[in-house]
Amino acid sequence: MATHQHYLLFKPYGYLSQLSSNDLHQKRKKRFLAELYSWPDGIMPIGRLDEKSEGLLLMTTDGKLSDHINRNGIEKEYYALVDGVPTEAQLEQLSQGIEIGINGKKYRTKPCVVKILEASPALPDRGKKIRDARHGPTTWLSITIIEGKFRQVRKMTSAIDCPTLRLVRVRIGDLKLNAMQPGDVFVWDGEV
């Protein structure tokens, strides 16, 4: 029986959730996970974070584990800094499920847990300025979903007219980002 390897990664802002690319334009212009660590052969990310998103990304050599996490409703918690101050009605819309576009079709998200964070979370600086207070108020939300459609959280907040300015995945199942810093890699036992 093959022994698989599993890692927790704090994916930094500006990296694609892939090891490399055969696309010459991407190779010249983009940053890849292979730059962050000497990964074993056969490693793959479990799920994805878009280039402008940060946070917890699981890496494994076990395709069955990847499939299990992606298909079994495991909670994924995000901290989203949004433009504006969402109303109770807007938060309720998010939590009940909201219509977004996926592959050119309308899709209603599954119910999720949404709450306003009372204080800004203790996250590392992302290295790129977001914007300043002159452009209006911002709000940090905790959004916990059990699915993971393409750019889902960003599309959800945009649907309530509070676009996401910064997005950080802080938890997958029982695994948490905790005090990890961008680029940190830790060995993990494969349990969620």
C-alpha atoms as a PDB file:
ATOM      1  CA  MET A   1       0.000   0.000   0.000  1.00  0.00           C
ATOM      2  CA  ALA A   2       1.368   3.396  -0.996  1.00  0.00           C
ATOM      3  CA  THR A   3       2.225   5.869   1.748  1.00  0.00           C
ATOM      4  CA  HIS A   4       0.822   9.255   0.906  1.00  0.00           C
ATOM      5  CA  GLN A   5       2.160  12.643   1.948  1.00  0.00           C
ATOM      6  CA  HIS A   6       0.005  15.546   3.084  1.00  0.00           C
ATOM      7  CA  TYR A   7       0.819  19.195   3.751  1.00  0.00           C
ATOM      8  CA  LEU A   8      -0.830  22.394   4.970  1.00  0.00           C
ATOM      9  CA  LEU A   9       0.182  25.470   2.992  1.00  0.00           C
ATOM     10  CA  PHE A  10      -0.522  29.148   3.583  1.00  0.00           C
ATOM     11  CA  LYS A  11      -0.970  30.140  -0.048  1.00  0.00           C
ATOM     12  CA  PRO A  12       0.250  33.708  -0.438  1.00  0.00           C
ATOM     13  CA  TYR A  13      -1.532  36.390  -2.433  1.00  0.00           C
ATOM     14  CA  GLY A  14      -0.488  36.394  -6.100  1.00  0.00           C
ATOM     15  CA  TYR A  15       0.132  32.659  -6.542  1.00  0.00           C
ATOM     16  CA  LEU A  16      -1.890  30.287  -8.688  1.00  0.00           C
ATOM     17  CA  SER A  17      -3.124  27.086  -6.985  1.00  0.00           C
ATOM     18  CA  GLN A  18      -1.077  24.883  -9.274  1.00  0.00           C
ATOM     19  CA  LEU A  19       2.508  23.689  -9.323  1.00  0.00           C
ATOM     20  CA  SER A  20       3.391  24.945 -12.808  1.00  0.00           C
ATOM     21  CA  SER A  21       1.996  25.589 -16.262  1.00  0.00           C
ATOM     22  CA  ASN A  22       2.789  24.630 -19.842  1.00  0.00           C
ATOM     23  CA  ASP A  23       1.428  28.000 -20.992  1.00  0.00           C
ATOM     24  CA  LEU A  24       4.414  30.193 -21.917  1.00  0.00           C
ATOM     25  CA  HIS A  25       2.562  33.422 -21.092  1.00  0.00           C
ATOM     26  CA  GLN A  26       1.651  32.074 -17.630  1.00  0.00           C
ATOM     27  CA  LYS A  27       5.226  30.865 -17.050  1.00  0.00           C
ATOM     28  CA  ARG A  28       6.548  34.387 -17.647  1.00  0.00           C
ATOM     29  CA  LYS A  29       3.840  36.325 -15.785  1.00  0.00           C
ATOM     30  CA  LYS A  30       2.523  34.099 -12.977  1.00  0.00           C
ATOM     31  CA  ARG A  31       3.779  32.584  -9.726  1.00  0.00           C
ATOM     32  CA  PHE A  32       3.256  28.912  -8.886  1.00  0.00           C
ATOM     33  CA  LEU A  33       3.235  26.705  -5.790  1.00  0.00           C
ATOM     34  CA  ALA A  34       6.411  24.911  -6.943  1.00  0.00           C
ATOM     35  CA  GLU A  35       8.332  28.078  -5.980  1.00  0.00           C
ATOM     36  CA  LEU A  36       7.323  27.721  -2.321  1.00  0.00           C
ATOM     37  CA  TYR A  37       8.524  24.225  -1.397  1.00  0.00           C
ATOM     38  CA  SER A  38      10.280  21.118  -2.658  1.00  0.00           C
ATOM     39  CA  TRP A  39       7.096  19.096  -3.156  1.00  0.00           C
ATOM     40  CA  PRO A  40       7.152  15.298  -3.595  1.00  0.00           C
ATOM     41  CA  ASP A  41       6.182  13.732  -6.919  1.00  0.00           C
ATOM     42  CA  GLY A  42       2.454  13.367  -7.425  1.00  0.00           C
ATOM     43  CA  ILE A  43       1.463  16.251  -5.126  1.00  0.00           C
ATOM     44  CA  MET A  44      -1.766  18.129  -5.871  1.00  0.00           C
ATOM     45  CA  PRO A  45      -3.793  20.863  -4.222  1.00  0.00           C
ATOM     46  CA  ILE A  46      -7.104  19.856  -2.658  1.00  0.00           C
ATOM     47  CA  GLY A  47      -9.452  22.476  -4.025  1.00  0.00           C
ATOM     48  CA  ARG A  48      -8.194  25.836  -5.183  1.00  0.00           C
ATOM     49  CA  LEU A  49      -7.794  29.438  -4.169  1.00  0.00           C
ATOM     50  CA  ASP A  50      -7.756  32.001  -6.953  1.00  0.00           C
ATOM     51  CA  GLU A  51      -4.657  34.091  -7.577  1.00  0.00           C
ATOM     52  CA  LYS A  52      -5.875  37.004  -5.437  1.00  0.00           C
ATOM     53  CA  SER A  53      -7.035  34.811  -2.534  1.00  0.00           C
ATOM     54  CA  GLU A  54      -4.851  33.658   0.314  1.00  0.00           C
ATOM     55  CA  GLY A  55      -4.864  31.171   3.104  1.00  0.00           C
ATOM     56  CA  LEU A  56      -5.121  27.502   3.904  1.00  0.00           C
ATOM     57  CA  LEU A  57      -4.552  25.136   1.002  1.00  0.00           C
ATOM     58  CA  LEU A  58      -4.194  21.401   1.542  1.00  0.00           C
ATOM     59  CA  MET A  59      -1.685  19.498  -0.580  1.00  0.00           C
ATOM     60  CA  THR A  60      -1.639  15.720  -0.941  1.00  0.00           C
ATOM     61  CA  THR A  61      -0.385  12.826  -3.044  1.00  0.00           C
ATOM     62  CA  ASP A  62      -3.667  10.979  -2.323  1.00  0.00           C
ATOM     63  CA  GLY A  63      -6.277  11.586  -5.032  1.00  0.00           C
ATOM     64  CA  LYS A  64      -8.955   9.724  -3.034  1.00  0.00           C
ATOM     65  CA  LEU A  65      -8.476  12.094  -0.079  1.00  0.00           C
ATOM     66  CA  SER A  66      -8.732  15.071  -2.422  1.00  0.00           C
ATOM     67  CA  ASP A  67     -11.972  13.701  -3.854  1.00  0.00           C
ATOM     68  CA  HIS A  68     -13.344  12.974  -0.352  1.00  0.00           C
ATOM     69  CA  ILE A  69     -12.760  16.542   0.867  1.00  0.00           C
ATOM     70  CA  ASN A  70     -14.126  18.137  -2.313  1.00  0.00           C
ATOM     71  CA  ARG A  71     -17.306  16.032  -2.455  1.00  0.00           C
ATOM     72  CA  ASN A  72     -18.379  15.488   1.153  1.00  0.00           C
ATOM     73  CA  GLY A  73     -19.561  18.838   2.430  1.00  0.00           C
ATOM     74  CA  ILE A  74     -16.520  19.571   4.572  1.00  0.00           C
ATOM     75  CA  GLU A  75     -16.738  23.103   5.962  1.00  0.00           C
ATOM     76  CA  LYS A  76     -14.450  25.772   4.568  1.00  0.00           C
ATOM     77  CA  GLU A  77     -14.297  29.052   6.495  1.00  0.00           C
ATOM     78  CA  TYR A  78     -13.192  32.284   4.874  1.00  0.00           C
ATOM     79  CA  TYR A  79     -12.538  35.750   6.216  1.00  0.00           C
ATOM     80  CA  ALA A  80     -13.703  38.227   3.590  1.00  0.00           C
ATOM     81  CA  LEU A  81     -13.017  41.945   3.774  1.00  0.00           C
ATOM     82  CA  VAL A  82     -15.923  43.464   1.891  1.00  0.00           C
ATOM     83  CA  ASP A  83     -16.660  46.910   0.555  1.00  0.00           C
ATOM     84  CA  GLY A  84     -19.364  48.574   2.635  1.00  0.00           C
ATOM     85  CA  VAL A  85     -21.357  47.427   5.645  1.00  0.00           C
ATOM     86  CA  PRO A  86     -23.822  44.619   4.824  1.00  0.00           C
ATOM     87  CA  THR A  87     -27.308  44.931   6.296  1.00  0.00           C
ATOM     88  CA  GLU A  88     -28.978  42.146   8.269  1.00  0.00           C
ATOM     89  CA  ALA A  89     -31.126  41.463   5.187  1.00  0.00           C
ATOM     90  CA  GLN A  90     -28.029  41.093   2.996  1.00  0.00           C
ATOM     91  CA  LEU A  91     -26.378  38.748   5.528  1.00  0.00           C
ATOM     92  CA  GLU A  92     -29.585  36.711   5.624  1.00  0.00           C
ATOM     93  CA  GLN A  93     -29.549  36.473   1.813  1.00  0.00           C
ATOM     94  CA  LEU A  94     -26.020  35.084   1.938  1.00  0.00           C
ATOM     95  CA  SER A  95     -26.767  32.596   4.705  1.00  0.00           C
ATOM     96  CA  GLN A  96     -29.954  31.263   3.046  1.00  0.00           C
ATOM     97  CA  GLY A  97     -28.257  30.808  -0.328  1.00  0.00           C
ATOM     98  CA  ILE A  98     -27.934  33.348  -3.099  1.00  0.00           C
ATOM     99  CA  GLU A  99     -28.013  33.184  -6.865  1.00  0.00           C
ATOM    100  CA  ILE A 100     -24.634  33.501  -8.591  1.00  0.00           C
ATOM    101  CA  GLY A 101     -23.344  32.670 -12.065  1.00  0.00           C
ATOM    102  CA  ILE A 102     -21.362  29.477 -12.644  1.00  0.00           C
ATOM    103  CA  ASN A 103     -20.207  28.587 -16.167  1.00  0.00           C
ATOM    104  CA  GLY A 104     -22.755  30.951 -17.693  1.00  0.00           C
ATOM    105  CA  LYS A 105     -25.683  29.465 -15.754  1.00  0.00           C
ATOM    106  CA  LYS A 106     -27.528  30.644 -12.673  1.00  0.00           C
ATOM    107  CA  TYR A 107     -26.668  28.708  -9.514  1.00  0.00           C
ATOM    108  CA  ARG A 108     -28.147  29.024  -6.018  1.00  0.00           C
ATOM    109  CA  THR A 109     -25.527  28.526  -3.318  1.00  0.00           C
ATOM    110  CA  LYS A 110     -26.218  26.162  -0.441  1.00  0.00           C
ATOM    111  CA  PRO A 111     -27.056  27.671   2.959  1.00  0.00           C
ATOM    112  CA  CYS A 112     -23.968  28.794   4.846  1.00  0.00           C
ATOM    113  CA  VAL A 113     -22.927  30.486   8.073  1.00  0.00           C
ATOM    114  CA  VAL A 114     -22.216  34.222   7.780  1.00  0.00           C
ATOM    115  CA  LYS A 115     -21.309  36.625  10.565  1.00  0.00           C
ATOM    116  CA  ILE A 116     -19.665  40.003  10.926  1.00  0.00           C
ATOM    117  CA  LEU A 117     -16.323  39.875  12.738  1.00  0.00           C
ATOM    118  CA  GLU A 118     -16.305  42.387  15.584  1.00  0.00           C
ATOM    119  CA  ALA A 119     -12.608  43.169  15.080  1.00  0.00           C
ATOM    120  CA  SER A 120     -10.201  42.862  12.187  1.00  0.00           C
ATOM    121  CA  PRO A 121      -8.645  39.386  12.234  1.00  0.00           C
ATOM    122  CA  ALA A 122      -4.962  39.038  13.082  1.00  0.00           C
ATOM    123  CA  LEU A 123      -3.761  38.220   9.580  1.00  0.00           C
ATOM    124  CA  PRO A 124      -0.334  38.858   8.091  1.00  0.00           C
ATOM    125  CA  ASP A 125      -0.019  41.840   5.777  1.00  0.00           C
ATOM    126  CA  ARG A 126      -0.649  40.656   2.236  1.00  0.00           C
ATOM    127  CA  GLY A 127       2.041  42.884   0.762  1.00  0.00           C
ATOM    128  CA  LYS A 128      -0.288  44.734  -1.598  1.00  0.00           C
ATOM    129  CA  LYS A 129      -2.367  47.654  -0.425  1.00  0.00           C
ATOM    130  CA  ILE A 130      -6.093  47.077  -0.610  1.00  0.00           C
ATOM    131  CA  ARG A 131      -7.327  50.656  -0.301  1.00  0.00           C
ATOM    132  CA  ASP A 132      -7.793  53.236   2.422  1.00  0.00           C
ATOM    133  CA  ALA A 133     -10.746  54.539   4.431  1.00  0.00           C
ATOM    134  CA  ARG A 134     -11.292  57.497   2.095  1.00  0.00           C
ATOM    135  CA  HIS A 135     -13.146  55.118  -0.225  1.00  0.00           C
ATOM    136  CA  GLY A 136     -15.766  54.301   2.401  1.00  0.00           C
ATOM    137  CA  PRO A 137     -16.251  51.709   5.140  1.00  0.00           C
ATOM    138  CA  THR A 138     -15.273  48.060   4.947  1.00  0.00           C
ATOM    139  CA  THR A 139     -16.408  45.036   6.954  1.00  0.00           C
ATOM    140  CA  TRP A 140     -14.761  41.722   7.793  1.00  0.00           C
ATOM    141  CA  LEU A 141     -17.096  38.738   7.426  1.00  0.00           C
ATOM    142  CA  SER A 142     -16.662  35.104   8.399  1.00  0.00           C
ATOM    143  CA  ILE A 143     -18.296  32.932   5.721  1.00  0.00           C
ATOM    144  CA  THR A 144     -18.420  29.154   6.172  1.00  0.00           C
ATOM    145  CA  ILE A 145     -19.485  27.146   3.137  1.00  0.00           C
ATOM    146  CA  ILE A 146     -19.762  23.414   2.438  1.00  0.00           C
ATOM    147  CA  GLU A 147     -19.188  23.625  -1.299  1.00  0.00           C
ATOM    148  CA  GLY A 148     -16.544  25.265  -3.413  1.00  0.00           C
ATOM    149  CA  LYS A 149     -17.671  26.616  -6.766  1.00  0.00           C
ATOM    150  CA  PHE A 150     -15.348  28.775  -8.878  1.00  0.00           C
ATOM    151  CA  ARG A 151     -14.811  32.121  -7.094  1.00  0.00           C
ATOM    152  CA  GLN A 152     -17.912  31.357  -5.021  1.00  0.00           C
ATOM    153  CA  VAL A 153     -17.351  33.608  -1.998  1.00  0.00           C
ATOM    154  CA  ARG A 154     -16.392  36.555  -4.198  1.00  0.00           C
ATOM    155  CA  LYS A 155     -19.502  36.056  -6.327  1.00  0.00           C
ATOM    156  CA  MET A 156     -21.693  35.750  -3.219  1.00  0.00           C
ATOM    157  CA  THR A 157     -20.539  39.040  -1.692  1.00  0.00           C
ATOM    158  CA  SER A 158     -20.767  40.768  -5.046  1.00  0.00           C
ATOM    159  CA  ALA A 159     -24.381  39.563  -5.359  1.00  0.00           C
ATOM    160  CA  ILE A 160     -25.275  41.609  -2.242  1.00  0.00           C
ATOM    161  CA  ASP A 161     -23.392  44.667  -3.575  1.00  0.00           C
ATOM    162  CA  CYS A 162     -20.499  44.277  -1.116  1.00  0.00           C
ATOM    163  CA  PRO A 163     -17.589  43.121  -3.303  1.00  0.00           C
ATOM    164  CA  THR A 164     -14.738  41.236  -1.660  1.00  0.00           C
ATOM    165  CA  LEU A 165     -11.536  43.244  -1.292  1.00  0.00           C
ATOM    166  CA  ARG A 166      -9.475  40.552   0.470  1.00  0.00           C
ATOM    167  CA  LEU A 167     -10.237  36.848   0.887  1.00  0.00           C
ATOM    168  CA  VAL A 168      -8.437  34.463   3.243  1.00  0.00           C
ATOM    169  CA  ARG A 169      -9.390  30.811   3.821  1.00  0.00           C
ATOM    170  CA  VAL A 170      -8.778  30.185   7.525  1.00  0.00           C
ATOM    171  CA  ARG A 171     -10.219  26.691   8.030  1.00  0.00           C
ATOM    172  CA  ILE A 172     -10.969  23.428   6.227  1.00  0.00           C
ATOM    173  CA  GLY A 173     -12.819  20.970   8.483  1.00  0.00           C
ATOM    174  CA  ASP A 174     -10.860  20.964  11.759  1.00  0.00           C
ATOM    175  CA  LEU A 175      -7.636  22.239  10.141  1.00  0.00           C
ATOM    176  CA  LYS A 176      -6.928  25.905  10.841  1.00  0.00           C
ATOM    177  CA  LEU A 177      -4.542  28.514   9.515  1.00  0.00           C
ATOM    178  CA  ASN A 178      -3.726  29.619  13.084  1.00  0.00           C
ATOM    179  CA  ALA A 179      -0.392  31.467  13.211  1.00  0.00           C
ATOM    180  CA  MET A 180       0.907  30.287   9.826  1.00  0.00           C
ATOM    181  CA  GLN A 181       2.532  32.925   7.658  1.00  0.00           C
ATOM    182  CA  PRO A 182       2.339  33.238   3.852  1.00  0.00           C
ATOM    183  CA  GLY A 183       4.454  30.500   2.269  1.00  0.00           C
ATOM    184  CA  ASP A 184       4.584  28.330   5.411  1.00  0.00           C
ATOM    185  CA  VAL A 185       4.302  24.579   4.803  1.00  0.00           C
ATOM    186  CA  PHE A 186       3.605  21.973   7.501  1.00  0.00           C
ATOM    187  CA  VAL A 187       3.300  18.202   7.310  1.00  0.00           C
ATOM    188  CA  TRP A 188      -0.236  17.006   8.048  1.00  0.00           C
ATOM    189  CA  ASP A 189      -1.564  13.537   8.938  1.00  0.00           C
ATOM    190  CA  GLY A 190      -4.352  13.507   6.335  1.00  0.00           C
ATOM    191  CA  GLU A 191      -7.247  13.810   8.824  1.00  0.00           C
ATOM    192  CA  VAL A 192      -9.884  16.538   8.471  1.00  0.00           C
END
